[in-house]
Amino acid sequence: MEAIQEDLATLMPVPWLGNATTKVHVLRLDRVHPLISGNKWYKLRFYLEAARTQGKSIVTFGGAYSNHILATAAACRLEGIRCAGIIRGEAPRLYSQTLTDAATRGMELHFITRGAYQQKQLPAPFAGDDWLVIPEGGYGILGMQGAATIPVPPGPFDHICCAVGTGTMLAGLLQPAAGSTAVTGFSVLKNHKSITQEIDALLPEDHRPYFLNPDFHFGGYAKYNTRLIRFMNELYDQTGIPTDFVYTAKLFYGVKALLEEDLKNSRNVLVIHSGGLQGNRSLPKGTLIF
């Protein structure tokens, strides 16, 4: 398996996203690894270190197309750590390609009901001290500390924008080590009113302010419409940047839309490409041009 290559997290100017008064650059975290993609490596790194130090196996949660599940499976294989995935819903007759890839890389898959999943109930075999539990999406202090190591480049950026699922990456970007630039998160969830509390739970009381934009979820998590797909194809055609419909396409769409409004006073915007491209495999073939 290919090694993690953090030096491939290159900075790319994208004039097509900007305008006459605002320059936009994209940090291409999607390039650091084909499977442990984008922000996943950063959120996982200290969980992996803790598992190695404590001599534990790893168990985590996710759905049938979860970027986190596949990234965890690939990272654990790379590190030689036993791992298991608790998957939402009944076992399907045929696995998604994501689950097939995770199982191929040694992840033990265990399916639980949606009700049990909502309560994040661990099956009995994984409730012992031999297992280190990684919350869904890498959420937690260790995930935040890892996200704080995302190589945000020094430069004249007055605003950083990122997609928000669990909020772990946004919390990491607010850490002192990550600088003092303003941060705006674009939520991919609909009516997830607790997300601010979940982000704040990871931060010290005196953390600097951030903004969470709720207007570009396109109907909710993993929802999309023809407008978003059209934007993804146009973005790729104009810039060569591939996005996923769950997270990054909504982020890029929101940034471009807000340059005339909320971000109009920003002169240099940095957009974090958090990877997750494998999730596009759930789309019908031919939907995207990349």
Protein backbone atom coordinates (compact mmCIF):
# COMPACT_ATOMS: atom_id res chain seq x y z
CA MET A 1 0.00 0.00 0.00
CA GLU A 2 1.18 3.52 -0.77
CA ALA A 3 2.60 5.46 2.16
CA ILE A 4 1.13 8.69 3.47
CA GLN A 5 2.68 11.60 1.59
CA GLU A 6 1.86 14.78 3.44
CA ASP A 7 4.15 16.75 1.16
CA LEU A 8 1.61 16.15 -1.63
CA ALA A 9 -0.89 18.37 0.19
CA THR A 10 -0.16 21.11 -2.31
CA LEU A 11 -1.50 24.65 -2.45
CA MET A 12 -3.29 25.51 -5.69
CA PRO A 13 -4.52 28.93 -6.85
CA VAL A 14 -8.03 28.69 -8.31
CA PRO A 15 -8.98 31.95 -10.06
CA TRP A 16 -12.26 30.43 -11.27
CA LEU A 17 -13.55 30.33 -7.68
CA GLY A 18 -12.49 33.90 -6.93
CA ASN A 19 -13.38 37.27 -8.35
CA ALA A 20 -11.86 40.69 -9.00
CA THR A 21 -11.31 41.42 -5.31
CA THR A 22 -10.81 37.97 -3.75
CA LYS A 23 -8.15 35.36 -4.48
CA VAL A 24 -8.95 31.72 -3.67
CA HIS A 25 -6.42 28.94 -3.06
CA VAL A 26 -7.22 25.28 -2.43
CA LEU A 27 -5.19 23.03 -0.12
CA ARG A 28 -5.33 19.67 -1.91
CA LEU A 29 -5.42 17.22 1.01
CA ASP A 30 -7.07 14.73 -1.35
CA ARG A 31 -3.59 14.02 -2.73
CA VAL A 32 -1.92 12.67 0.43
CA HIS A 33 -3.15 9.09 -0.11
CA PRO A 34 -5.62 7.37 -2.46
CA LEU A 35 -7.63 5.78 0.39
CA ILE A 36 -6.65 7.58 3.61
CA SER A 37 -7.77 10.66 1.81
CA GLY A 38 -7.91 14.31 2.71
CA ASN A 39 -8.44 15.13 6.36
CA LYS A 40 -8.87 11.45 7.29
CA TRP A 41 -5.18 10.81 7.90
CA TYR A 42 -4.87 13.84 10.15
CA LYS A 43 -7.93 12.92 12.23
CA LEU A 44 -6.77 9.31 12.58
CA ARG A 45 -3.06 9.78 13.28
CA PHE A 46 -3.21 10.18 17.07
CA TYR A 47 -5.82 7.44 17.46
CA LEU A 48 -3.42 5.12 15.62
CA GLU A 49 -0.56 6.26 17.83
CA ALA A 50 -2.62 5.60 20.96
CA ALA A 51 -3.57 2.11 19.73
CA ARG A 52 0.07 1.25 19.03
CA THR A 53 1.24 2.61 22.39
CA GLN A 54 -1.49 0.80 24.34
CA GLY A 55 -1.32 -2.40 22.30
CA LYS A 56 -5.01 -2.18 21.37
CA SER A 57 -7.11 -2.95 18.33
CA ILE A 58 -9.37 -0.29 16.81
CA VAL A 59 -13.13 -0.30 16.40
CA THR A 60 -15.13 2.50 14.78
CA PHE A 61 -18.50 3.39 13.26
CA GLY A 62 -19.79 4.27 9.79
CA GLY A 63 -22.22 3.67 6.97
CA ALA A 64 -22.03 1.64 3.78
CA TYR A 65 -20.24 4.40 1.84
CA SER A 66 -18.28 5.91 4.72
CA ASN A 67 -14.98 7.58 3.86
CA HIS A 68 -14.02 7.13 7.51
CA ILE A 69 -14.58 3.37 7.46
CA LEU A 70 -12.43 2.84 4.38
CA ALA A 71 -9.73 5.24 5.59
CA THR A 72 -9.57 3.50 8.98
CA ALA A 73 -9.30 0.09 7.35
CA ALA A 74 -6.50 1.28 5.07
CA ALA A 75 -4.65 3.10 7.87
CA CYS A 76 -4.84 0.13 10.22
CA ARG A 77 -3.52 -2.17 7.52
CA LEU A 78 -0.67 0.27 6.90
CA GLU A 79 0.12 0.34 10.63
CA GLY A 80 -0.45 -3.38 11.25
CA ILE A 81 -3.34 -2.79 13.68
CA ARG A 82 -6.37 -5.08 13.89
CA CYS A 83 -9.60 -3.18 13.26
CA ALA A 84 -13.35 -3.59 13.14
CA GLY A 85 -16.14 -1.49 11.70
CA ILE A 86 -19.62 -1.20 13.22
CA ILE A 87 -21.84 -0.59 10.19
CA ARG A 88 -25.25 1.09 10.27
CA GLY A 89 -28.13 -1.16 9.19
CA GLU A 90 -28.68 -4.80 8.37
CA ALA A 91 -26.04 -6.71 6.43
CA PRO A 92 -26.80 -6.31 2.70
CA ARG A 93 -26.89 -9.17 0.25
CA LEU A 94 -24.15 -7.41 -1.68
CA TYR A 95 -21.61 -5.12 -0.04
CA SER A 96 -21.05 -1.62 -1.37
CA GLN A 97 -17.67 -1.13 -3.02
CA THR A 98 -16.60 0.84 0.06
CA LEU A 99 -17.36 -2.04 2.40
CA THR A 100 -15.80 -4.54 0.01
CA ASP A 101 -12.61 -2.49 -0.05
CA ALA A 102 -12.59 -2.15 3.75
CA ALA A 103 -13.07 -5.89 4.23
CA THR A 104 -10.37 -6.64 1.66
CA ARG A 105 -8.00 -4.56 3.76
CA GLY A 106 -8.73 -6.64 6.83
CA MET A 107 -11.49 -4.73 8.59
CA GLU A 108 -13.96 -6.98 10.41
CA LEU A 109 -17.45 -5.75 9.54
CA HIS A 110 -20.31 -6.01 12.04
CA PHE A 111 -23.80 -4.75 11.18
CA ILE A 112 -26.22 -3.39 13.78
CA THR A 113 -29.74 -1.97 13.58
CA ARG A 114 -30.16 1.72 12.89
CA GLY A 115 -31.58 2.22 16.37
CA ALA A 116 -28.58 0.59 18.00
CA TYR A 117 -26.32 2.57 15.71
CA GLN A 118 -27.92 5.85 16.70
CA GLN A 119 -27.06 4.99 20.31
CA LYS A 120 -23.56 3.94 19.18
CA GLN A 121 -23.98 0.58 20.92
CA LEU A 122 -20.87 -1.55 20.77
CA PRO A 123 -21.48 -5.27 20.24
CA ALA A 124 -20.25 -7.30 23.20
CA PRO A 125 -17.02 -8.55 21.55
CA PHE A 126 -15.75 -4.96 21.25
CA ALA A 127 -16.65 -3.62 24.68
CA GLY A 128 -13.48 -4.79 26.40
CA ASP A 129 -10.23 -3.00 27.18
CA ASP A 130 -8.52 -4.59 24.20
CA TRP A 131 -10.30 -2.20 21.85
CA LEU A 132 -9.76 1.51 21.31
CA VAL A 133 -13.00 3.13 20.12
CA ILE A 134 -12.83 5.84 17.48
CA PRO A 135 -16.12 7.75 17.31
CA GLU A 136 -17.85 8.21 13.95
CA GLY A 137 -15.84 10.44 11.63
CA GLY A 138 -12.88 10.55 14.02
CA TYR A 139 -14.70 12.94 16.35
CA GLY A 140 -12.95 13.52 19.67
CA ILE A 141 -10.00 15.24 21.28
CA LEU A 142 -7.46 13.02 19.51
CA GLY A 143 -9.19 13.64 16.19
CA MET A 144 -9.16 17.39 16.80
CA GLN A 145 -5.49 17.33 17.79
CA GLY A 146 -4.71 15.47 14.60
CA ALA A 147 -6.71 17.95 12.52
CA ALA A 148 -4.64 20.74 14.08
CA THR A 149 -1.62 19.26 12.25
CA ILE A 150 -3.19 19.84 8.83
CA PRO A 151 -0.41 21.69 6.98
CA VAL A 152 -2.13 25.04 6.57
CA PRO A 153 0.48 26.99 4.64
CA PRO A 154 1.80 30.32 5.85
CA GLY A 155 0.54 33.12 3.71
CA PRO A 156 -1.72 36.14 3.53
CA PHE A 157 -4.93 34.18 4.11
CA ASP A 158 -7.62 36.09 5.99
CA HIS A 159 -10.19 33.29 5.82
CA ILE A 160 -10.16 29.49 5.88
CA CYS A 161 -13.21 27.55 4.68
CA CYS A 162 -13.92 23.86 5.23
CA ALA A 163 -16.76 21.36 5.05
CA VAL A 164 -18.31 20.28 8.36
CA GLY A 165 -19.69 16.85 9.21
CA THR A 166 -18.73 16.10 12.81
CA GLY A 167 -16.89 19.42 13.16
CA THR A 168 -13.63 17.73 14.17
CA MET A 169 -11.58 19.32 11.40
CA LEU A 170 -13.01 22.78 12.05
CA ALA A 171 -12.13 22.45 15.73
CA GLY A 172 -8.59 21.48 14.75
CA LEU A 173 -8.26 24.50 12.50
CA LEU A 174 -9.16 26.69 15.49
CA GLN A 175 -6.28 25.41 17.60
CA PRO A 176 -3.51 27.91 18.40
CA ALA A 177 -1.00 25.86 16.41
CA ALA A 178 -3.13 26.34 13.32
CA GLY A 179 -2.86 30.13 13.43
CA SER A 180 -5.40 32.90 13.98
CA THR A 181 -7.10 33.18 10.59
CA ALA A 182 -10.90 33.41 10.57
CA VAL A 183 -12.59 30.06 9.97
CA THR A 184 -15.97 29.34 8.35
CA GLY A 185 -17.43 25.86 8.22
CA PHE A 186 -20.05 24.77 5.69
CA SER A 187 -22.34 22.20 7.29
CA VAL A 188 -23.35 19.24 5.11
CA LEU A 189 -26.07 18.27 7.57
CA LYS A 190 -29.68 19.45 7.64
CA ASN A 191 -31.18 20.54 10.97
CA HIS A 192 -28.19 19.29 12.95
CA LYS A 193 -28.69 21.86 15.67
CA SER A 194 -26.26 20.19 18.04
CA ILE A 195 -23.23 20.60 15.76
CA THR A 196 -22.15 23.88 17.39
CA GLN A 197 -22.27 22.27 20.82
CA GLU A 198 -20.29 19.30 19.55
CA ILE A 199 -17.61 21.58 18.11
CA ASP A 200 -17.49 23.70 21.26
CA ALA A 201 -17.12 20.55 23.39
CA LEU A 202 -13.72 20.00 21.76
CA LEU A 203 -12.52 23.56 22.30
CA PRO A 204 -11.36 25.55 25.33
CA GLU A 205 -13.85 28.06 26.70
CA ASP A 206 -11.80 30.98 25.43
CA HIS A 207 -11.58 29.71 21.85
CA ARG A 208 -11.70 32.27 19.09
CA PRO A 209 -15.00 32.67 17.23
CA TYR A 210 -15.91 30.80 14.08
CA PHE A 211 -18.91 30.82 11.75
CA LEU A 212 -20.97 27.80 10.73
CA ASN A 213 -22.94 28.24 7.51
CA PRO A 214 -26.05 25.99 7.30
CA ASP A 215 -27.27 27.00 3.84
CA PHE A 216 -25.48 24.66 1.43
CA HIS A 217 -26.41 21.13 2.52
CA PHE A 218 -28.53 20.57 -0.62
CA GLY A 219 -31.22 18.72 1.32
CA GLY A 220 -29.07 17.01 3.96
CA TYR A 221 -26.25 14.54 4.40
CA ALA A 222 -25.41 12.72 1.14
CA LYS A 223 -28.25 14.54 -0.64
CA TYR A 224 -27.73 16.26 -3.97
CA ASN A 225 -29.55 17.63 -6.99
CA THR A 226 -28.79 18.35 -10.64
CA ARG A 227 -27.52 21.83 -9.77
CA LEU A 228 -24.81 20.43 -7.50
CA ILE A 229 -23.79 17.76 -10.04
CA ARG A 230 -23.62 20.40 -12.76
CA PHE A 231 -21.39 22.52 -10.53
CA MET A 232 -19.07 19.57 -9.79
CA ASN A 233 -18.61 18.92 -13.49
CA GLU A 234 -18.08 22.59 -14.28
CA LEU A 235 -15.56 22.97 -11.46
CA TYR A 236 -13.60 19.99 -12.75
CA ASP A 237 -13.79 21.19 -16.34
CA GLN A 238 -12.51 24.66 -15.40
CA THR A 239 -9.93 23.76 -12.75
CA GLY A 240 -9.19 20.02 -12.86
CA ILE A 241 -10.29 19.69 -9.22
CA PRO A 242 -12.50 16.65 -8.47
CA THR A 243 -14.95 16.92 -5.58
CA ASP A 244 -17.37 14.58 -3.81
CA PHE A 245 -21.08 15.28 -3.58
CA VAL A 246 -21.28 14.68 0.19
CA TYR A 247 -18.73 17.22 1.45
CA THR A 248 -16.39 19.13 -0.81
CA ALA A 249 -18.74 20.01 -3.68
CA LYS A 250 -21.08 21.70 -1.21
CA LEU A 251 -18.13 23.56 0.32
CA PHE A 252 -16.83 24.83 -3.04
CA TYR A 253 -20.33 25.76 -4.17
CA GLY A 254 -20.88 27.72 -0.96
CA VAL A 255 -17.57 29.56 -1.19
CA LYS A 256 -18.21 30.68 -4.75
CA ALA A 257 -21.76 31.77 -3.88
CA LEU A 258 -20.71 33.76 -0.81
CA LEU A 259 -17.88 35.74 -2.36
CA GLU A 260 -20.48 38.39 -3.15
CA GLU A 261 -21.94 38.30 0.38
CA ASP A 262 -20.50 36.89 3.62
CA LEU A 263 -16.95 36.58 2.26
CA LYS A 264 -16.93 39.80 0.25
CA ASN A 265 -14.48 41.48 2.65
CA SER A 266 -11.99 38.64 2.41
CA ARG A 267 -9.09 39.17 0.05
CA ASN A 268 -7.33 35.80 0.32
CA VAL A 269 -9.46 32.70 1.00
CA LEU A 270 -8.04 29.23 1.66
CA VAL A 271 -10.38 26.29 0.93
CA ILE A 272 -9.50 22.92 2.49
CA HIS A 273 -10.13 20.02 0.11
CA SER A 274 -10.85 17.25 2.61
CA GLY A 275 -10.86 14.36 0.11
CA GLY A 276 -13.58 11.71 0.28
CA LEU A 277 -13.77 11.22 -3.47
CA GLN A 278 -14.47 7.49 -3.15
CA GLY A 279 -17.99 8.36 -1.97
CA ASN A 280 -18.86 9.29 -5.56
CA ARG A 281 -18.96 5.58 -6.35
CA SER A 282 -22.52 5.54 -5.04
CA LEU A 283 -23.60 7.80 -7.93
CA PRO A 284 -24.93 6.31 -11.17
CA LYS A 285 -22.21 5.74 -13.75
CA GLY A 286 -21.79 8.66 -16.11
CA THR A 287 -23.05 11.24 -13.62
CA LEU A 288 -19.63 12.89 -13.35
CA ILE A 289 -17.07 13.67 -16.04
CA PHE A 290 -14.17 12.57 -13.80
